[in-house]
Amino acid sequence: MTTASTNRRPLMIIFLVVFIDLLGFGLVLPLMPLYADQLNASPATIGMLQASFSAMQFLFSPFWGRLSDRIGRRPVLLIGLTGSVIFYSLFGWASGLGNLTLMFIARIGAGIAGATISTAQAYIADSTTRERRTAGMAIIGAAFGMGFVFGPLIGALAIYWLGENSSSIAAFPGYLAAGFSAVALLLAIFILPESLKPNSEASHKGWFSFGEFRIALRMPGVASLIAVFFLATFSFAVFETTIALFAKRVFDLDLKHNFYLFAYFGFLLVMAQGGVRSFSKRMSPESIGFTGTVLLLIGMLGLVTASAIHSIALFYVVPVILITGFAFLTTSSQSMISLRSRADEQGGILGLNQSTASLARILGPLVGNATFGVQHQLPYWISAGLMVLVVGMVMLLPASPKEEPVAANS
């Protein structure tokens, strides 16, 4: 009993670390139209504000992953949480002032601090057996979903308490996220142990290297899995950054409904991660990934259909399929990448994977909003086409190895 408790407690802290990062994201995303009105900013400027966070994650995820291979997971996670406290506080202050320059600085800093998600993934890989790896990685997705549940719900409550036109609404998300980050930081300082084994060899000789790309190409199936993860994340980013506009244009939903809508999405993602953990006991990661890809394809086509027949009932049903598919595909992809990587290389490889996902979160909103401006169904047609490609890629994947791979560069 003591061992199980000891193993669960660090994973719960990791859950909280990722939850804090996504809580801020879930708080801010539904408010982007409000920021645009408050600052008289163009959609392109607001898009750049959104993209700045992901751009920093793209640049810094591999760095944090490599650094955690060298100095340990715990110090890197503590650095990231400290940065979240500072930059979410700055974002709250800047939002209250209506200072766009400071908001950009805060989002850039928060993106750098939040790029430690790959280190959290490596921590889970360190702390779970190969048989439990998929279930362990589902913790990341569950935290993502919980952030999307509570972030928008808190935003909706703030509207009721403060009033939809209150200037405090803009500052509220930043200060609240900073407070939660401070709690997570204290818990990590006093409770979180180091997961990296003392005898693990460093996977990198230098601080900045493109060696992960070379290593990934030599690992059977890893490059394809990184591409699958990129395309799935791109498609989901198209969905999550255009759906508020879609709901307003097609079904005339207001700001409060946007918050409830995003909370609903988060709830679905949490439930889907529970499904991943259950199915991982009797299905291979490859089977879970294939199922997720098909569900994502059906979901994207469902959004097009809901728009075409103007059915708000279908609009609320389709995300069940789409979000379940995203959870199945991304969680199984992370697990398959981890299972194909050596223990001493997982930080760097998972960092590379997270970096490409961040690139997808930069490009997805840009492509999604640009094509939405042409025709509001077009982003989902594009995403459906990409999922057809991913179905073929997942079908061609070899089975995950039963034992830890030998050196990829030997």
Protein backbone atom coordinates (compact mmCIF):
# COMPACT_ATOMS: atom_id res chain seq x y z
CA MET A 1 0.00 0.00 0.00
CA THR A 2 2.81 2.40 0.81
CA THR A 3 4.48 1.81 -2.54
CA ALA A 4 1.28 2.43 -4.49
CA SER A 5 0.65 5.61 -2.54
CA THR A 6 4.19 6.78 -3.12
CA ASN A 7 3.86 6.14 -6.84
CA ARG A 8 0.49 7.85 -7.14
CA ARG A 9 1.41 11.02 -5.26
CA PRO A 10 4.11 12.23 -7.71
CA LEU A 11 1.82 11.49 -10.66
CA MET A 12 -0.91 13.58 -9.04
CA ILE A 13 1.55 16.48 -8.77
CA ILE A 14 2.41 16.03 -12.45
CA PHE A 15 -1.31 16.07 -13.19
CA LEU A 16 -1.60 19.35 -11.29
CA VAL A 17 1.40 20.88 -13.09
CA VAL A 18 -0.14 20.21 -16.51
CA PHE A 19 -3.61 21.17 -15.29
CA ILE A 20 -2.33 24.60 -14.19
CA ASP A 21 -0.79 25.20 -17.60
CA LEU A 22 -4.02 24.30 -19.41
CA LEU A 23 -6.22 26.11 -16.89
CA GLY A 24 -4.75 29.41 -18.02
CA PHE A 25 -5.22 28.37 -21.64
CA GLY A 26 -8.85 27.40 -20.95
CA LEU A 27 -9.49 30.70 -19.18
CA VAL A 28 -7.99 32.87 -21.90
CA LEU A 29 -9.17 31.22 -25.13
CA PRO A 30 -12.92 32.00 -24.83
CA LEU A 31 -12.06 35.63 -23.94
CA MET A 32 -10.09 36.39 -27.10
CA PRO A 33 -13.07 38.18 -28.73
CA LEU A 34 -13.34 40.33 -25.57
CA TYR A 35 -9.64 41.22 -25.76
CA ALA A 36 -10.10 42.15 -29.41
CA ASP A 37 -12.97 44.53 -28.55
CA GLN A 38 -11.22 45.98 -25.50
CA LEU A 39 -7.96 46.69 -27.35
CA ASN A 40 -9.51 47.47 -30.74
CA ALA A 41 -7.12 44.85 -32.10
CA SER A 42 -7.53 43.19 -35.47
CA PRO A 43 -8.22 39.45 -35.73
CA ALA A 44 -4.69 39.04 -37.11
CA THR A 45 -3.21 40.68 -34.00
CA ILE A 46 -5.27 38.51 -31.67
CA GLY A 47 -4.19 35.49 -33.70
CA MET A 48 -0.57 36.48 -33.20
CA LEU A 49 -1.21 36.85 -29.45
CA GLN A 50 -2.55 33.29 -29.41
CA ALA A 51 0.29 32.00 -31.57
CA SER A 52 3.04 33.62 -29.46
CA PHE A 53 2.37 31.17 -26.61
CA SER A 54 2.64 28.13 -28.89
CA ALA A 55 5.63 29.58 -30.73
CA MET A 56 7.61 29.66 -27.49
CA GLN A 57 6.57 26.10 -26.70
CA PHE A 58 7.77 25.08 -30.15
CA LEU A 59 11.18 26.65 -29.52
CA PHE A 60 11.70 25.61 -25.91
CA SER A 61 10.11 22.14 -25.53
CA PRO A 62 13.18 20.28 -26.89
CA PHE A 63 15.48 22.44 -24.76
CA TRP A 64 13.60 21.66 -21.55
CA GLY A 65 13.46 17.96 -22.51
CA ARG A 66 17.23 17.81 -23.07
CA LEU A 67 17.91 19.80 -19.92
CA SER A 68 15.76 17.39 -17.89
CA ASP A 69 17.85 14.50 -19.27
CA ARG A 70 20.92 16.20 -17.82
CA ILE A 71 19.86 17.76 -14.49
CA GLY A 72 16.65 15.88 -13.71
CA ARG A 73 12.90 16.33 -14.26
CA ARG A 74 12.15 18.01 -10.92
CA PRO A 75 14.36 21.14 -11.30
CA VAL A 76 12.99 21.80 -14.78
CA LEU A 77 9.38 21.48 -13.59
CA LEU A 78 10.08 23.87 -10.69
CA ILE A 79 11.57 26.42 -13.08
CA GLY A 80 8.51 26.16 -15.32
CA LEU A 81 6.06 26.64 -12.45
CA THR A 82 7.97 29.66 -11.16
CA GLY A 83 7.81 31.19 -14.62
CA SER A 84 4.06 30.51 -14.78
CA VAL A 85 3.50 32.40 -11.51
CA ILE A 86 5.44 35.42 -12.81
CA PHE A 87 4.04 35.61 -16.33
CA TYR A 88 0.41 34.81 -15.57
CA SER A 89 0.53 37.62 -12.98
CA LEU A 90 1.95 39.91 -15.62
CA PHE A 91 -0.79 38.88 -18.05
CA GLY A 92 -3.48 39.74 -15.51
CA TRP A 93 -1.94 43.14 -14.85
CA ALA A 94 -1.43 43.88 -18.56
CA SER A 95 -4.99 42.80 -19.41
CA GLY A 96 -6.41 45.13 -16.75
CA LEU A 97 -4.34 47.99 -18.17
CA GLY A 98 -5.23 47.11 -21.75
CA ASN A 99 -1.51 47.15 -22.62
CA LEU A 100 -1.05 44.96 -25.69
CA THR A 101 2.77 45.04 -25.57
CA LEU A 102 2.85 43.71 -22.00
CA MET A 103 0.25 41.09 -22.93
CA PHE A 104 2.55 39.83 -25.67
CA ILE A 105 5.51 39.72 -23.27
CA ALA A 106 3.41 37.82 -20.72
CA ARG A 107 2.16 35.26 -23.26
CA ILE A 108 5.69 34.74 -24.59
CA GLY A 109 7.00 34.18 -21.07
CA ALA A 110 4.12 31.85 -20.19
CA GLY A 111 4.80 29.88 -23.36
CA ILE A 112 8.44 29.40 -22.36
CA ALA A 113 7.43 28.30 -18.85
CA GLY A 114 4.66 26.02 -20.15
CA ALA A 115 7.00 24.26 -22.55
CA THR A 116 7.91 21.87 -19.72
CA ILE A 117 4.98 19.59 -20.60
CA SER A 118 7.46 17.34 -22.42
CA THR A 119 9.37 17.04 -19.13
CA ALA A 120 6.12 16.04 -17.41
CA GLN A 121 5.68 13.35 -20.07
CA ALA A 122 9.24 12.13 -19.44
CA TYR A 123 8.49 12.06 -15.69
CA ILE A 124 5.52 9.78 -16.33
CA ALA A 125 7.66 7.58 -18.59
CA ASP A 126 10.23 7.31 -15.79
CA SER A 127 7.55 6.38 -13.25
CA THR A 128 5.50 3.78 -15.15
CA THR A 129 6.12 0.31 -16.48
CA ARG A 130 5.97 -0.34 -20.21
CA GLU A 131 2.62 -2.10 -19.73
CA ARG A 132 1.16 0.95 -17.92
CA ARG A 133 2.71 3.59 -20.21
CA THR A 134 -0.46 4.36 -22.21
CA ALA A 135 -2.53 4.67 -19.03
CA GLY A 136 0.16 6.92 -17.53
CA MET A 137 0.26 9.21 -20.55
CA ALA A 138 -3.52 9.59 -20.27
CA ILE A 139 -2.81 11.71 -17.18
CA ILE A 140 -1.56 14.47 -19.51
CA GLY A 141 -4.75 14.36 -21.54
CA ALA A 142 -6.94 14.28 -18.44
CA ALA A 143 -5.17 17.37 -17.07
CA PHE A 144 -5.64 19.06 -20.45
CA GLY A 145 -9.35 18.31 -20.28
CA MET A 146 -9.73 19.42 -16.67
CA GLY A 147 -8.11 22.74 -17.56
CA PHE A 148 -10.68 23.13 -20.29
CA VAL A 149 -13.49 22.28 -17.88
CA PHE A 150 -12.61 24.58 -15.00
CA GLY A 151 -11.06 27.45 -16.98
CA PRO A 152 -14.21 28.29 -18.96
CA LEU A 153 -16.51 27.56 -16.01
CA ILE A 154 -14.57 30.01 -13.84
CA GLY A 155 -14.79 32.53 -16.66
CA ALA A 156 -18.56 32.05 -16.89
CA LEU A 157 -18.92 32.53 -13.13
CA ALA A 158 -16.81 35.68 -13.34
CA ILE A 159 -19.23 37.12 -15.89
CA TYR A 160 -22.11 36.56 -13.47
CA TRP A 161 -20.20 38.03 -10.51
CA LEU A 162 -18.51 40.98 -12.22
CA GLY A 163 -20.76 41.66 -15.21
CA GLU A 164 -19.99 40.94 -18.86
CA ASN A 165 -18.85 44.53 -19.52
CA SER A 166 -16.63 44.82 -16.43
CA SER A 167 -12.96 45.68 -17.08
CA SER A 168 -12.06 43.18 -14.31
CA ILE A 169 -13.15 40.30 -16.56
CA ALA A 170 -10.07 40.77 -18.74
CA ALA A 171 -7.61 40.69 -15.80
CA PHE A 172 -9.31 37.88 -13.88
CA PRO A 173 -7.89 34.85 -15.81
CA GLY A 174 -4.25 35.88 -15.44
CA TYR A 175 -4.35 36.48 -11.70
CA LEU A 176 -6.28 33.28 -11.03
CA ALA A 177 -3.90 31.15 -13.12
CA ALA A 178 -0.96 32.73 -11.28
CA GLY A 179 -2.50 31.78 -7.95
CA PHE A 180 -3.00 28.17 -8.98
CA SER A 181 0.56 28.07 -10.33
CA ALA A 182 1.85 29.23 -6.94
CA VAL A 183 -0.04 26.39 -5.21
CA ALA A 184 1.36 23.85 -7.68
CA LEU A 185 4.87 25.24 -7.16
CA LEU A 186 4.66 24.83 -3.39
CA LEU A 187 3.35 21.27 -3.71
CA ALA A 188 6.13 20.40 -6.16
CA ILE A 189 8.81 21.87 -3.86
CA PHE A 190 7.69 19.87 -0.84
CA ILE A 191 6.23 16.68 -2.35
CA LEU A 192 7.59 15.95 -5.84
CA PRO A 193 10.60 13.58 -5.86
CA GLU A 194 13.10 13.23 -8.71
CA SER A 195 12.18 10.52 -11.24
CA LEU A 196 15.33 10.40 -13.38
CA LYS A 197 17.49 7.44 -12.37
CA PRO A 198 21.01 8.33 -11.14
CA ASN A 199 22.65 5.91 -13.57
CA SER A 200 20.83 7.17 -16.68
CA GLU A 201 23.27 8.46 -19.25
CA ALA A 202 22.76 11.91 -20.75
CA SER A 203 21.28 11.69 -24.22
CA HIS A 204 22.87 14.94 -25.47
CA LYS A 205 26.33 16.43 -25.38
CA GLY A 206 25.34 19.98 -26.23
CA TRP A 207 22.56 22.39 -25.23
CA PHE A 208 21.16 23.09 -28.67
CA SER A 209 21.09 20.30 -31.23
CA PHE A 210 18.97 18.91 -34.03
CA GLY A 211 20.11 15.43 -33.06
CA GLU A 212 16.59 14.41 -32.03
CA PHE A 213 15.49 14.60 -35.67
CA ARG A 214 18.28 12.26 -36.72
CA ILE A 215 17.62 9.89 -33.82
CA ALA A 216 13.87 9.88 -34.47
CA LEU A 217 14.39 8.98 -38.13
CA ARG A 218 16.42 5.94 -37.10
CA MET A 219 13.77 4.66 -34.68
CA PRO A 220 11.23 2.42 -36.46
CA GLY A 221 7.91 4.22 -36.69
CA VAL A 222 8.85 7.22 -34.51
CA ALA A 223 9.06 9.76 -37.36
CA SER A 224 5.66 8.62 -38.64
CA LEU A 225 4.19 8.88 -35.14
CA ILE A 226 5.51 12.41 -34.70
CA ALA A 227 3.89 13.30 -38.04
CA VAL A 228 0.61 11.70 -36.88
CA PHE A 229 0.73 13.68 -33.63
CA PHE A 230 1.42 16.88 -35.58
CA LEU A 231 -1.51 16.40 -37.97
CA ALA A 232 -3.93 15.45 -35.19
CA THR A 233 -2.90 18.46 -33.10
CA PHE A 234 -3.12 20.75 -36.14
CA SER A 235 -6.66 19.57 -36.88
CA PHE A 236 -7.74 19.96 -33.26
CA ALA A 237 -6.16 23.45 -33.11
CA VAL A 238 -8.19 24.39 -36.19
CA PHE A 239 -11.29 23.19 -34.37
CA GLU A 240 -10.67 24.82 -30.96
CA THR A 241 -9.66 28.25 -32.35
CA THR A 242 -12.50 28.57 -34.87
CA ILE A 243 -15.35 26.92 -32.99
CA ALA A 244 -16.32 30.07 -31.05
CA LEU A 245 -16.69 31.98 -34.33
CA PHE A 246 -18.47 28.99 -35.85
CA ALA A 247 -20.95 28.88 -32.94
CA LYS A 248 -21.61 32.61 -33.20
CA ARG A 249 -22.00 32.72 -36.96
CA VAL A 250 -24.04 29.54 -37.43
CA PHE A 251 -26.00 29.37 -34.14
CA ASP A 252 -25.68 32.94 -32.74
CA LEU A 253 -24.22 31.85 -29.35
CA ASP A 254 -23.02 34.68 -27.05
CA LEU A 255 -19.94 35.01 -24.76
CA LYS A 256 -21.51 33.12 -21.82
CA HIS A 257 -22.40 30.24 -24.11
CA ASN A 258 -18.82 30.23 -25.38
CA PHE A 259 -17.57 29.60 -21.85
CA TYR A 260 -20.08 26.81 -21.34
CA LEU A 261 -19.21 25.35 -24.71
CA PHE A 262 -15.49 25.15 -23.88
CA ALA A 263 -16.27 23.69 -20.45
CA TYR A 264 -18.35 21.03 -22.19
CA PHE A 265 -15.41 20.26 -24.49
CA GLY A 266 -13.12 19.90 -21.49
CA PHE A 267 -15.55 17.56 -19.74
CA LEU A 268 -15.67 15.41 -22.87
CA LEU A 269 -11.88 15.27 -23.02
CA VAL A 270 -11.66 14.15 -19.38
CA MET A 271 -14.21 11.39 -20.03
CA ALA A 272 -12.34 10.36 -23.18
CA GLN A 273 -9.07 10.03 -21.26
CA GLY A 274 -10.84 7.74 -18.83
CA GLY A 275 -11.84 5.69 -21.84
CA VAL A 276 -8.22 5.55 -23.00
CA ARG A 277 -7.11 4.20 -19.62
CA SER A 278 -9.84 1.55 -19.75
CA PHE A 279 -9.23 0.48 -23.34
CA SER A 280 -5.44 0.39 -22.85
CA LYS A 281 -5.94 -2.69 -20.66
CA ARG A 282 -7.34 -4.73 -23.57
CA MET A 283 -6.30 -2.92 -26.76
CA SER A 284 -2.87 -2.22 -28.23
CA PRO A 285 -1.76 1.43 -28.61
CA GLU A 286 -1.92 0.95 -32.39
CA SER A 287 -5.59 -0.14 -32.22
CA ILE A 288 -6.46 2.78 -29.94
CA GLY A 289 -4.70 5.19 -32.32
CA PHE A 290 -6.53 3.84 -35.37
CA THR A 291 -9.88 4.14 -33.58
CA GLY A 292 -9.07 7.73 -32.64
CA THR A 293 -8.18 8.65 -36.21
CA VAL A 294 -11.47 7.34 -37.57
CA LEU A 295 -13.44 9.16 -34.87
CA LEU A 296 -11.62 12.43 -35.62
CA LEU A 297 -12.50 12.06 -39.31
CA ILE A 298 -16.17 11.42 -38.50
CA GLY A 299 -16.23 14.39 -36.10
CA MET A 300 -14.88 16.87 -38.63
CA LEU A 301 -17.41 15.74 -41.22
CA GLY A 302 -20.09 16.00 -38.52
CA LEU A 303 -19.34 19.71 -38.01
CA VAL A 304 -19.81 20.30 -41.72
CA THR A 305 -23.13 18.43 -41.60
CA ALA A 306 -24.35 20.34 -38.51
CA SER A 307 -23.70 23.61 -40.33
CA ALA A 308 -25.31 22.43 -43.55
CA ILE A 309 -28.56 21.35 -41.89
CA HIS A 310 -28.37 24.05 -39.17
CA SER A 311 -28.82 21.52 -36.34
CA ILE A 312 -27.67 22.77 -32.93
CA ALA A 313 -28.47 19.32 -31.47
CA LEU A 314 -26.00 17.70 -33.86
CA PHE A 315 -23.52 20.50 -33.10
CA TYR A 316 -23.47 19.42 -29.44
CA VAL A 317 -23.31 15.69 -30.26
CA VAL A 318 -20.45 15.86 -32.77
CA PRO A 319 -17.77 17.00 -30.25
CA VAL A 320 -18.33 13.75 -28.31
CA ILE A 321 -17.00 11.88 -31.33
CA LEU A 322 -14.35 14.40 -32.32
CA ILE A 323 -12.83 14.94 -28.87
CA THR A 324 -12.85 11.23 -28.06
CA GLY A 325 -10.97 10.63 -31.27
CA PHE A 326 -8.40 13.31 -30.44
CA ALA A 327 -7.84 11.86 -26.95
CA PHE A 328 -7.45 8.31 -28.27
CA LEU A 329 -5.08 9.27 -31.07
CA THR A 330 -2.79 11.68 -29.23
CA THR A 331 -2.46 9.63 -26.03
CA SER A 332 -1.72 6.42 -27.91
CA SER A 333 0.78 8.26 -30.13
CA GLN A 334 2.69 9.53 -27.09
CA SER A 335 2.72 6.04 -25.64
CA MET A 336 3.96 4.48 -28.90
CA ILE A 337 6.72 7.06 -29.21
CA SER A 338 7.81 6.41 -25.63
CA LEU A 339 7.78 2.62 -26.15
CA ARG A 340 10.03 3.00 -29.20
CA SER A 341 12.56 5.25 -27.41
CA ARG A 342 15.44 4.40 -25.08
CA ALA A 343 14.99 5.53 -21.47
CA ASP A 344 17.90 8.00 -21.66
CA GLU A 345 16.53 9.54 -24.90
CA GLN A 346 12.89 9.92 -23.95
CA GLY A 347 13.20 13.49 -22.66
CA GLY A 348 14.62 14.70 -25.97
CA ILE A 349 12.32 12.65 -28.22
CA LEU A 350 9.18 13.58 -26.28
CA GLY A 351 10.40 17.18 -26.31
CA LEU A 352 10.71 17.00 -30.09
CA ASN A 353 7.20 15.58 -30.31
CA GLN A 354 5.81 18.33 -28.08
CA SER A 355 7.68 20.91 -30.14
CA THR A 356 6.06 19.73 -33.37
CA ALA A 357 2.68 19.79 -31.60
CA SER A 358 3.38 23.41 -30.64
CA LEU A 359 4.16 24.14 -34.28
CA ALA A 360 0.77 22.63 -35.13
CA ARG A 361 -0.82 24.96 -32.56
CA ILE A 362 0.83 27.90 -34.32
CA LEU A 363 -0.21 26.89 -37.82
CA GLY A 364 -3.66 25.51 -36.94
CA PRO A 365 -5.15 28.83 -35.78
CA LEU A 366 -3.59 30.71 -38.70
CA VAL A 367 -4.88 28.28 -41.33
CA GLY A 368 -8.19 27.76 -39.53
CA ASN A 369 -9.04 31.44 -39.22
CA ALA A 370 -7.83 32.27 -42.72
CA THR A 371 -9.95 29.53 -44.32
CA PHE A 372 -12.90 30.27 -42.01
CA GLY A 373 -12.91 33.77 -43.49
CA VAL A 374 -13.33 32.24 -46.93
CA GLN A 375 -16.06 29.74 -46.01
CA HIS A 376 -16.91 28.63 -42.47
CA GLN A 377 -17.04 24.91 -43.36
CA LEU A 378 -13.67 24.93 -45.14
CA PRO A 379 -11.41 24.44 -42.05
CA TYR A 380 -13.23 21.22 -41.18
CA TRP A 381 -13.08 19.90 -44.74
CA ILE A 382 -9.30 20.43 -44.66
CA SER A 383 -8.99 18.68 -41.29
CA ALA A 384 -11.08 15.75 -42.53
CA GLY A 385 -8.79 15.38 -45.53
CA LEU A 386 -5.75 15.27 -43.24
CA MET A 387 -7.37 12.58 -41.14
CA VAL A 388 -7.83 10.40 -44.22
CA LEU A 389 -4.04 10.62 -44.64
CA VAL A 390 -3.46 9.80 -40.96
CA VAL A 391 -5.68 6.70 -41.18
CA GLY A 392 -3.29 5.27 -43.76
CA MET A 393 -0.20 6.22 -41.72
CA VAL A 394 -1.51 4.54 -38.55
CA MET A 395 -2.50 1.38 -40.46
CA LEU A 396 1.11 1.02 -41.68
CA LEU A 397 2.71 1.31 -38.23
CA PRO A 398 4.59 -1.76 -36.92
CA ALA A 399 3.63 -3.14 -33.50
CA SER A 400 5.28 -1.55 -30.46
CA PRO A 401 8.37 -3.43 -29.22
CA LYS A 402 7.97 -5.53 -26.10
CA GLU A 403 11.39 -4.57 -24.73
CA GLU A 404 13.35 -1.32 -24.54
CA PRO A 405 15.00 -0.54 -27.93
CA VAL A 406 18.76 -0.60 -28.33
CA ALA A 407 20.68 2.59 -29.10
CA ALA A 408 19.25 4.25 -32.18
CA ASN A 409 22.62 5.66 -33.23
CA SER A 410 24.66 2.54 -32.60
